[in-house]
Protein backbone atom coordinates (compact mmCIF):
# COMPACT_ATOMS: atom_id res chain seq x y z
CA UNK A 1 197.42 200.91 125.62
CA UNK A 2 195.29 204.01 125.34
CA UNK A 3 194.28 205.15 128.84
CA UNK A 4 192.59 208.35 127.76
CA UNK A 5 188.88 208.58 127.20
CA UNK A 6 189.19 209.44 123.51
CA UNK A 7 188.00 206.71 121.09
CA UNK A 8 190.39 204.76 118.92
CA UNK A 9 190.39 205.39 115.17
CA UNK A 10 188.29 202.85 113.20
CA UNK A 11 191.28 201.42 111.33
CA UNK A 12 192.95 200.49 114.65
CA UNK A 13 189.84 198.70 115.90
CA UNK A 14 189.06 196.74 112.75
CA UNK A 15 192.61 195.74 111.87
CA UNK A 16 192.84 191.92 112.04
CA UNK A 17 195.68 190.45 113.99
CA UNK A 18 197.75 188.08 111.89
CA UNK A 19 199.63 185.22 113.47
CA UNK A 20 202.76 183.82 111.95
CA UNK A 21 202.45 180.15 110.98
CA UNK A 22 205.70 178.27 110.69
CA UNK A 23 206.07 175.61 108.03
CA UNK A 24 207.08 172.21 109.34
CA UNK A 25 210.41 170.89 108.26
CA UNK A 26 211.19 167.60 106.54
CA UNK A 27 212.01 165.90 109.85
CA UNK A 28 208.52 166.63 111.21
CA UNK A 29 206.90 165.35 108.03
CA UNK A 30 209.00 162.20 108.23
CA UNK A 31 207.96 161.61 111.84
CA UNK A 32 204.27 162.01 110.95
CA UNK A 33 204.71 159.54 108.10
CA UNK A 34 206.46 157.02 110.34
CA UNK A 35 203.75 157.36 113.00
CA UNK A 36 200.98 156.87 110.41
CA UNK A 37 202.74 153.80 109.00
CA UNK A 38 203.16 152.34 112.49
CA UNK A 39 199.46 152.81 113.28
CA UNK A 40 198.40 151.15 110.02
CA UNK A 41 200.84 148.26 110.61
CA UNK A 42 199.53 147.69 114.15
CA UNK A 43 195.92 147.72 112.87
CA UNK A 44 196.66 145.17 110.14
CA UNK A 45 198.61 142.93 112.52
CA UNK A 46 195.73 143.05 115.02
CA UNK A 47 193.24 142.11 112.32
CA UNK A 48 195.21 139.04 111.25
CA UNK A 49 195.92 138.00 114.84
CA UNK A 50 192.21 138.16 115.66
CA UNK A 51 191.32 136.31 112.45
CA UNK A 52 193.66 133.40 113.18
CA UNK A 53 192.51 133.28 116.79
CA UNK A 54 188.86 133.02 115.68
CA UNK A 55 189.76 130.29 113.17
CA UNK A 56 191.38 128.25 115.94
CA UNK A 57 188.30 128.65 118.14
CA UNK A 58 185.99 127.70 115.26
CA UNK A 59 188.00 124.54 114.56
CA UNK A 60 187.40 123.33 118.13
CA UNK A 61 183.62 123.86 118.14
CA UNK A 62 180.86 122.01 116.31
CA UNK A 63 177.27 122.81 115.46
CA UNK A 64 174.65 120.18 116.15
CA UNK A 65 171.37 120.46 114.28
CA UNK A 66 168.47 118.15 115.15
CA UNK A 67 165.36 118.30 112.96
CA UNK A 68 162.16 116.35 113.37
CA UNK A 69 158.45 116.68 114.01
CA UNK A 70 157.35 119.60 116.19
CA UNK A 71 154.85 117.42 118.10
CA UNK A 72 154.99 113.73 118.92
CA UNK A 73 152.08 111.43 118.10
CA UNK A 74 151.25 108.64 120.53
CA UNK A 75 151.91 105.26 118.94
CA UNK A 76 153.60 106.72 115.82
CA UNK A 77 157.30 106.42 115.15
CA UNK A 78 159.12 109.75 115.16
CA UNK A 79 162.12 110.24 112.91
CA UNK A 80 164.83 112.78 113.71
CA UNK A 81 167.68 113.93 111.48
CA UNK A 82 170.95 114.83 113.21
CA UNK A 83 173.65 116.84 111.41
CA UNK A 84 177.01 118.02 112.72
CA UNK A 85 178.95 120.78 111.01
CA UNK A 86 181.89 123.05 111.71
CA UNK A 87 181.18 126.69 112.44
CA UNK A 88 181.91 127.34 108.75
CA UNK A 89 179.02 124.96 107.80
CA UNK A 90 181.36 122.25 106.49
CA UNK A 91 179.93 118.79 107.38
CA UNK A 92 181.83 116.78 110.00
CA UNK A 93 181.41 113.13 110.92
CA UNK A 94 181.56 112.75 114.69
CA UNK A 95 180.02 110.25 117.12
CA UNK A 96 176.97 111.67 118.89
């Protein structure tokens, strides 16, 4: 280090410092590939697990739709339509 009060030459001040970058070897590239494959495999497995879990839940639940007049008239018969479907909108015959 220059402890004197004289200024440094311009080429010493403006010279960029270069760092040495090592190239990764084949073992490092293989490990990165294995890690990426493992992450993709876990993501796909999680998707299918969640999908089958939701299908099982949907099979246990029904939708009940009741349609009819919005207001009731005194002395007039009111007719209501009742439909039951699965969550996937497939009709199901169940006792109500």
